[in-house]
Amino acid sequence: VNGAGLAMATMDIIKHYGAEPANFLDVGGD
């Protein structure tokens, strides 16, 4: 994901659908 906020939201929505994220990965804005 790009952006820490979007990365956190992405992990949350994966958990919402019943799975678990394998990582936090923010590639950065640039």
ModelCIF file with pLDDT and N, C-alpha, C, O atoms, coordinates in Angstrom:
data_MODEL
#
_entry.id   MODEL 
#
_entity.id                         1 
_entity.type                       polymer 
_entity.pdbx_number_of_molecules   1 
#
_entity_poly.entity_id                      1 
_entity_poly.type                           'polypeptide(L)' 
_entity_poly.nstd_linkage                   no 
_entity_poly.nstd_monomer                   no 
_entity_poly.pdbx_seq_one_letter_code       VNGAGLAMATMDIIKHYGAEPANFLDVGGD 
_entity_poly.pdbx_seq_one_letter_code_can   VNGAGLAMATMDIIKHYGAEPANFLDVGGD 
_entity_poly.pdbx_strand_id                 A 
#
loop_
_entity_poly_seq.entity_id 
_entity_poly_seq.num 
_entity_poly_seq.mon_id 
_entity_poly_seq.hetero 
1 1  VAL n 
1 2  ASN n 
1 3  GLY n 
1 4  ALA n 
1 5  GLY n 
1 6  LEU n 
1 7  ALA n 
1 8  MET n 
1 9  ALA n 
1 10 THR n 
1 11 MET n 
1 12 ASP n 
1 13 ILE n 
1 14 ILE n 
1 15 LYS n 
1 16 HIS n 
1 17 TYR n 
1 18 GLY n 
1 19 ALA n 
1 20 GLU n 
1 21 PRO n 
1 22 ALA n 
1 23 ASN n 
1 24 PHE n 
1 25 LEU n 
1 26 ASP n 
1 27 VAL n 
1 28 GLY n 
1 29 GLY n 
1 30 ASP n 
#
_struct_asym.id          A 
_struct_asym.entity_id   1 
#
loop_
_ma_qa_metric.id 
_ma_qa_metric.mode 
_ma_qa_metric.name 
_ma_qa_metric.software_group_id 
_ma_qa_metric.type 
1 global pLDDT . pLDDT 
2 local  pLDDT . pLDDT 
#
_ma_qa_metric_global.metric_id      1 
_ma_qa_metric_global.metric_value   90.53 
_ma_qa_metric_global.model_id       1 
_ma_qa_metric_global.ordinal_id     1 
#
loop_
_ma_qa_metric_local.label_asym_id 
_ma_qa_metric_local.label_comp_id 
_ma_qa_metric_local.label_seq_id 
_ma_qa_metric_local.metric_id 
_ma_qa_metric_local.metric_value 
_ma_qa_metric_local.model_id 
_ma_qa_metric_local.ordinal_id 
A VAL 1  2 90.00 1 1  
A ASN 2  2 85.00 1 2  
A GLY 3  2 85.00 1 3  
A ALA 4  2 88.00 1 4  
A GLY 5  2 92.00 1 5  
A LEU 6  2 91.00 1 6  
A ALA 7  2 93.00 1 7  
A MET 8  2 95.00 1 8  
A ALA 9  2 95.00 1 9  
A THR 10 2 95.00 1 10 
A MET 11 2 96.00 1 11 
A ASP 12 2 96.00 1 12 
A ILE 13 2 95.00 1 13 
A ILE 14 2 96.00 1 14 
A LYS 15 2 95.00 1 15 
A HIS 16 2 95.00 1 16 
A TYR 17 2 94.00 1 17 
A GLY 18 2 93.00 1 18 
A ALA 19 2 95.00 1 19 
A GLU 20 2 96.00 1 20 
A PRO 21 2 96.00 1 21 
A ALA 22 2 96.00 1 22 
A ASN 23 2 95.00 1 23 
A PHE 24 2 95.00 1 24 
A LEU 25 2 92.00 1 25 
A ASP 26 2 90.00 1 26 
A VAL 27 2 85.00 1 27 
A GLY 28 2 76.00 1 28 
A GLY 29 2 65.00 1 29 
A ASP 30 2 66.00 1 30 
#
loop_
_atom_site.group_PDB 
_atom_site.id 
_atom_site.type_symbol 
_atom_site.label_atom_id 
_atom_site.label_alt_id 
_atom_site.label_comp_id 
_atom_site.label_asym_id 
_atom_site.label_entity_id 
_atom_site.label_seq_id 
_atom_site.pdbx_PDB_ins_code 
_atom_site.Cartn_x 
_atom_site.Cartn_y 
_atom_site.Cartn_z 
_atom_site.occupancy 
_atom_site.B_iso_or_equiv 
_atom_site.pdbx_formal_charge 
_atom_site.auth_seq_id 
_atom_site.auth_comp_id 
_atom_site.auth_asym_id 
_atom_site.auth_atom_id 
_atom_site.pdbx_PDB_model_num 
ATOM 1   N N  . VAL A 1 1  ? 0.851   -1.182  0.000  1.00 90.00 ? 1  VAL A N  1 
ATOM 2   C CA . VAL A 1 1  ? 0.000   0.000   0.000  1.00 90.00 ? 1  VAL A CA 1 
ATOM 3   C C  . VAL A 1 1  ? 0.893   1.240   0.000  1.00 90.00 ? 1  VAL A C  1 
ATOM 4   O O  . VAL A 1 1  ? 2.042   1.169   0.435  1.00 90.00 ? 1  VAL A O  1 
ATOM 5   N N  . ASN A 1 2  ? 0.384   2.369   -0.479 1.00 85.00 ? 2  ASN A N  1 
ATOM 6   C CA . ASN A 1 2  ? 1.120   3.623   -0.347 1.00 85.00 ? 2  ASN A CA 1 
ATOM 7   C C  . ASN A 1 2  ? 0.408   4.528   0.648  1.00 85.00 ? 2  ASN A C  1 
ATOM 8   O O  . ASN A 1 2  ? -0.751  4.895   0.456  1.00 85.00 ? 2  ASN A O  1 
ATOM 9   N N  . GLY A 1 3  ? 1.114   4.880   1.705  1.00 85.00 ? 3  GLY A N  1 
ATOM 10  C CA . GLY A 1 3  ? 0.532   5.706   2.755  1.00 85.00 ? 3  GLY A CA 1 
ATOM 11  C C  . GLY A 1 3  ? 0.212   4.874   3.989  1.00 85.00 ? 3  GLY A C  1 
ATOM 12  O O  . GLY A 1 3  ? -0.439  3.833   3.891  1.00 85.00 ? 3  GLY A O  1 
ATOM 13  N N  . ALA A 1 4  ? 0.675   5.338   5.159  1.00 88.00 ? 4  ALA A N  1 
ATOM 14  C CA . ALA A 1 4  ? 0.497   4.570   6.390  1.00 88.00 ? 4  ALA A CA 1 
ATOM 15  C C  . ALA A 1 4  ? -0.980  4.438   6.768  1.00 88.00 ? 4  ALA A C  1 
ATOM 16  O O  . ALA A 1 4  ? -1.414  3.383   7.230  1.00 88.00 ? 4  ALA A O  1 
ATOM 17  N N  . GLY A 1 5  ? -1.755  5.521   6.569  1.00 92.00 ? 5  GLY A N  1 
ATOM 18  C CA . GLY A 1 5  ? -3.175  5.466   6.917  1.00 92.00 ? 5  GLY A CA 1 
ATOM 19  C C  . GLY A 1 5  ? -3.923  4.466   6.067  1.00 92.00 ? 5  GLY A C  1 
ATOM 20  O O  . GLY A 1 5  ? -4.735  3.690   6.572  1.00 92.00 ? 5  GLY A O  1 
ATOM 21  N N  . LEU A 1 6  ? -3.646  4.485   4.755  1.00 91.00 ? 6  LEU A N  1 
ATOM 22  C CA . LEU A 1 6  ? -4.304  3.538   3.860  1.00 91.00 ? 6  LEU A CA 1 
ATOM 23  C C  . LEU A 1 6  ? -3.847  2.111   4.166  1.00 91.00 ? 6  LEU A C  1 
ATOM 24  O O  . LEU A 1 6  ? -4.623  1.164   4.046  1.00 91.00 ? 6  LEU A O  1 
ATOM 25  N N  . ALA A 1 7  ? -2.581  1.968   4.563  1.00 93.00 ? 7  ALA A N  1 
ATOM 26  C CA . ALA A 1 7  ? -2.076  0.638   4.910  1.00 93.00 ? 7  ALA A CA 1 
ATOM 27  C C  . ALA A 1 7  ? -2.805  0.083   6.139  1.00 93.00 ? 7  ALA A C  1 
ATOM 28  O O  . ALA A 1 7  ? -3.168  -1.092  6.172  1.00 93.00 ? 7  ALA A O  1 
ATOM 29  N N  . MET A 1 8  ? -3.014  0.932   7.143  1.00 95.00 ? 8  MET A N  1 
ATOM 30  C CA . MET A 1 8  ? -3.738  0.485   8.340  1.00 95.00 ? 8  MET A CA 1 
ATOM 31  C C  . MET A 1 8  ? -5.184  0.130   7.991  1.00 95.00 ? 8  MET A C  1 
ATOM 32  O O  . MET A 1 8  ? -5.717  -0.871  8.469  1.00 95.00 ? 8  MET A O  1 
ATOM 33  N N  . ALA A 1 9  ? -5.815  0.961   7.152  1.00 95.00 ? 9  ALA A N  1 
ATOM 34  C CA . ALA A 1 9  ? -7.192  0.681   6.750  1.00 95.00 ? 9  ALA A CA 1 
ATOM 35  C C  . ALA A 1 9  ? -7.277  -0.621  5.954  1.00 95.00 ? 9  ALA A C  1 
ATOM 36  O O  . ALA A 1 9  ? -8.241  -1.374  6.086  1.00 95.00 ? 9  ALA A O  1 
ATOM 37  N N  . THR A 1 10 ? -6.262  -0.880  5.128  1.00 95.00 ? 10 THR A N  1 
ATOM 38  C CA . THR A 1 10 ? -6.241  -2.111  4.338  1.00 95.00 ? 10 THR A CA 1 
ATOM 39  C C  . THR A 1 10 ? -6.144  -3.330  5.246  1.00 95.00 ? 10 THR A C  1 
ATOM 40  O O  . THR A 1 10 ? -6.838  -4.323  5.027  1.00 95.00 ? 10 THR A O  1 
ATOM 41  N N  . MET A 1 11 ? -5.294  -3.263  6.256  1.00 96.00 ? 11 MET A N  1 
ATOM 42  C CA . MET A 1 11 ? -5.180  -4.376  7.196  1.00 96.00 ? 11 MET A CA 1 
ATOM 43  C C  . MET A 1 11 ? -6.488  -4.581  7.955  1.00 96.00 ? 11 MET A C  1 
ATOM 44  O O  . MET A 1 11 ? -6.907  -5.712  8.203  1.00 96.00 ? 11 MET A O  1 
ATOM 45  N N  . ASP A 1 12 ? -7.124  -3.472  8.316  1.00 96.00 ? 12 ASP A N  1 
ATOM 46  C CA . ASP A 1 12 ? -8.401  -3.575  9.036  1.00 96.00 ? 12 ASP A CA 1 
ATOM 47  C C  . ASP A 1 12 ? -9.463  -4.277  8.195  1.00 96.00 ? 12 ASP A C  1 
ATOM 48  O O  . ASP A 1 12 ? -10.204 -5.123  8.695  1.00 96.00 ? 12 ASP A O  1 
ATOM 49  N N  . ILE A 1 13 ? -9.531  -3.918  6.913  1.00 95.00 ? 13 ILE A N  1 
ATOM 50  C CA . ILE A 1 13 ? -10.598 -4.479  6.088  1.00 95.00 ? 13 ILE A CA 1 
ATOM 51  C C  . ILE A 1 13 ? -10.325 -5.947  5.750  1.00 95.00 ? 13 ILE A C  1 
ATOM 52  O O  . ILE A 1 13 ? -11.262 -6.717  5.539  1.00 95.00 ? 13 ILE A O  1 
ATOM 53  N N  . ILE A 1 14 ? -9.048  -6.339  5.699  1.00 96.00 ? 14 ILE A N  1 
ATOM 54  C CA . ILE A 1 14 ? -8.716  -7.757  5.538  1.00 96.00 ? 14 ILE A CA 1 
ATOM 55  C C  . ILE A 1 14 ? -9.209  -8.544  6.750  1.00 96.00 ? 14 ILE A C  1 
ATOM 56  O O  . ILE A 1 14 ? -9.778  -9.626  6.610  1.00 96.00 ? 14 ILE A O  1 
ATOM 57  N N  . LYS A 1 15 ? -8.986  -7.990  7.935  1.00 95.00 ? 15 LYS A N  1 
ATOM 58  C CA . LYS A 1 15 ? -9.467  -8.649  9.149  1.00 95.00 ? 15 LYS A CA 1 
ATOM 59  C C  . LYS A 1 15 ? -10.999 -8.678  9.168  1.00 95.00 ? 15 LYS A C  1 
ATOM 60  O O  . LYS A 1 15 ? -11.604 -9.647  9.627  1.00 95.00 ? 15 LYS A O  1 
ATOM 61  N N  . HIS A 1 16 ? -11.613 -7.607  8.663  1.00 95.00 ? 16 HIS A N  1 
ATOM 62  C CA . HIS A 1 16 ? -13.079 -7.551  8.626  1.00 95.00 ? 16 HIS A CA 1 
ATOM 63  C C  . HIS A 1 16 ? -13.661 -8.707  7.824  1.00 95.00 ? 16 HIS A C  1 
ATOM 64  O O  . HIS A 1 16 ? -14.718 -9.239  8.162  1.00 95.00 ? 16 HIS A O  1 
ATOM 65  N N  . TYR A 1 17 ? -12.960 -9.093  6.756  1.00 94.00 ? 17 TYR A N  1 
ATOM 66  C CA . TYR A 1 17 ? -13.469 -10.179 5.913  1.00 94.00 ? 17 TYR A CA 1 
ATOM 67  C C  . TYR A 1 17 ? -12.958 -11.553 6.356  1.00 94.00 ? 17 TYR A C  1 
ATOM 68  O O  . TYR A 1 17 ? -13.106 -12.540 5.635  1.00 94.00 ? 17 TYR A O  1 
ATOM 69  N N  . GLY A 1 18 ? -12.353 -11.607 7.552  1.00 93.00 ? 18 GLY A N  1 
ATOM 70  C CA . GLY A 1 18 ? -12.079 -12.902 8.161  1.00 93.00 ? 18 GLY A CA 1 
ATOM 71  C C  . GLY A 1 18 ? -10.686 -13.455 7.982  1.00 93.00 ? 18 GLY A C  1 
ATOM 72  O O  . GLY A 1 18 ? -10.444 -14.620 8.299  1.00 93.00 ? 18 GLY A O  1 
ATOM 73  N N  . ALA A 1 19 ? -9.755  -12.646 7.478  1.00 95.00 ? 19 ALA A N  1 
ATOM 74  C CA . ALA A 1 19 ? -8.380  -13.122 7.299  1.00 95.00 ? 19 ALA A CA 1 
ATOM 75  C C  . ALA A 1 19 ? -7.430  -12.244 8.113  1.00 95.00 ? 19 ALA A C  1 
ATOM 76  O O  . ALA A 1 19 ? -7.859  -11.309 8.789  1.00 95.00 ? 19 ALA A O  1 
ATOM 77  N N  . GLU A 1 20 ? -6.137  -12.555 8.038  1.00 96.00 ? 20 GLU A N  1 
ATOM 78  C CA . GLU A 1 20 ? -5.137  -11.814 8.783  1.00 96.00 ? 20 GLU A CA 1 
ATOM 79  C C  . GLU A 1 20 ? -4.047  -11.301 7.838  1.00 96.00 ? 20 GLU A C  1 
ATOM 80  O O  . GLU A 1 20 ? -3.565  -12.046 6.985  1.00 96.00 ? 20 GLU A O  1 
ATOM 81  N N  . PRO A 1 21 ? -3.659  -10.034 7.988  1.00 96.00 ? 21 PRO A N  1 
ATOM 82  C CA . PRO A 1 21 ? -2.576  -9.504  7.146  1.00 96.00 ? 21 PRO A CA 1 
ATOM 83  C C  . PRO A 1 21 ? -1.228  -10.121 7.522  1.00 96.00 ? 21 PRO A C  1 
ATOM 84  O O  . PRO A 1 21 ? -0.966  -10.397 8.692  1.00 96.00 ? 21 PRO A O  1 
ATOM 85  N N  . ALA A 1 22 ? -0.391  -10.332 6.528  1.00 96.00 ? 22 ALA A N  1 
ATOM 86  C CA . ALA A 1 22 ? 0.935   -10.911 6.764  1.00 96.00 ? 22 ALA A CA 1 
ATOM 87  C C  . ALA A 1 22 ? 1.976   -9.844  7.049  1.00 96.00 ? 22 ALA A C  1 
ATOM 88  O O  . ALA A 1 22 ? 3.096   -10.150 7.458  1.00 96.00 ? 22 ALA A O  1 
ATOM 89  N N  . ASN A 1 23 ? 1.601   -8.582  6.830  1.00 95.00 ? 23 ASN A N  1 
ATOM 90  C CA . ASN A 1 23 ? 2.593   -7.522  7.005  1.00 95.00 ? 23 ASN A CA 1 
ATOM 91  C C  . ASN A 1 23 ? 1.933   -6.154  6.964  1.00 95.00 ? 23 ASN A C  1 
ATOM 92  O O  . ASN A 1 23 ? 0.791   -5.998  6.529  1.00 95.00 ? 23 ASN A O  1 
ATOM 93  N N  . PHE A 1 24 ? 2.676   -5.187  7.423  1.00 95.00 ? 24 PHE A N  1 
ATOM 94  C CA . PHE A 1 24 ? 2.413   -3.772  7.139  1.00 95.00 ? 24 PHE A CA 1 
ATOM 95  C C  . PHE A 1 24 ? 3.475   -3.368  6.132  1.00 95.00 ? 24 PHE A C  1 
ATOM 96  O O  . PHE A 1 24 ? 4.663   -3.578  6.377  1.00 95.00 ? 24 PHE A O  1 
ATOM 97  N N  . LEU A 1 25 ? 3.078   -2.795  5.009  1.00 92.00 ? 25 LEU A N  1 
ATOM 98  C CA . LEU A 1 25 ? 4.050   -2.352  4.009  1.00 92.00 ? 25 LEU A CA 1 
ATOM 99  C C  . LEU A 1 25 ? 3.555   -1.077  3.340  1.00 92.00 ? 25 LEU A C  1 
ATOM 100 O O  . LEU A 1 25 ? 2.581   -1.080  2.588  1.00 92.00 ? 25 LEU A O  1 
ATOM 101 N N  . ASP A 1 26 ? 4.254   0.007   3.637  1.00 90.00 ? 26 ASP A N  1 
ATOM 102 C CA . ASP A 1 26 ? 3.981   1.307   3.024  1.00 90.00 ? 26 ASP A CA 1 
ATOM 103 C C  . ASP A 1 26 ? 5.147   1.628   2.092  1.00 90.00 ? 26 ASP A C  1 
ATOM 104 O O  . ASP A 1 26 ? 6.270   1.841   2.548  1.00 90.00 ? 26 ASP A O  1 
ATOM 105 N N  . VAL A 1 27 ? 4.877   1.663   0.777  1.00 85.00 ? 27 VAL A N  1 
ATOM 106 C CA . VAL A 1 27 ? 5.954   1.932   -0.178 1.00 85.00 ? 27 VAL A CA 1 
ATOM 107 C C  . VAL A 1 27 ? 6.308   3.414   -0.237 1.00 85.00 ? 27 VAL A C  1 
ATOM 108 O O  . VAL A 1 27 ? 7.299   3.791   -0.863 1.00 85.00 ? 27 VAL A O  1 
ATOM 109 N N  . GLY A 1 28 ? 5.506   4.256   0.411  1.00 76.00 ? 28 GLY A N  1 
ATOM 110 C CA . GLY A 1 28 ? 5.814   5.682   0.468  1.00 76.00 ? 28 GLY A CA 1 
ATOM 111 C C  . GLY A 1 28 ? 5.155   6.477   -0.635 1.00 76.00 ? 28 GLY A C  1 
ATOM 112 O O  . GLY A 1 28 ? 4.710   5.932   -1.645 1.00 76.00 ? 28 GLY A O  1 
ATOM 113 N N  . GLY A 1 29 ? 5.104   7.777   -0.421 1.00 65.00 ? 29 GLY A N  1 
ATOM 114 C CA . GLY A 1 29 ? 4.436   8.651   -1.377 1.00 65.00 ? 29 GLY A CA 1 
ATOM 115 C C  . GLY A 1 29 ? 5.257   8.972   -2.600 1.00 65.00 ? 29 GLY A C  1 
ATOM 116 O O  . GLY A 1 29 ? 4.723   9.472   -3.590 1.00 65.00 ? 29 GLY A O  1 
ATOM 117 N N  . ASP A 1 30 ? 6.564   8.691   -2.551 1.00 66.00 ? 30 ASP A N  1 
ATOM 118 C CA . ASP A 1 30 ? 7.424   9.010   -3.689 1.00 66.00 ? 30 ASP A CA 1 
ATOM 119 C C  . ASP A 1 30 ? 8.144   7.767   -4.200 1.00 66.00 ? 30 ASP A C  1 
ATOM 120 O O  . ASP A 1 30 ? 8.913   7.849   -5.158 1.00 66.00 ? 30 ASP A O  1 
#
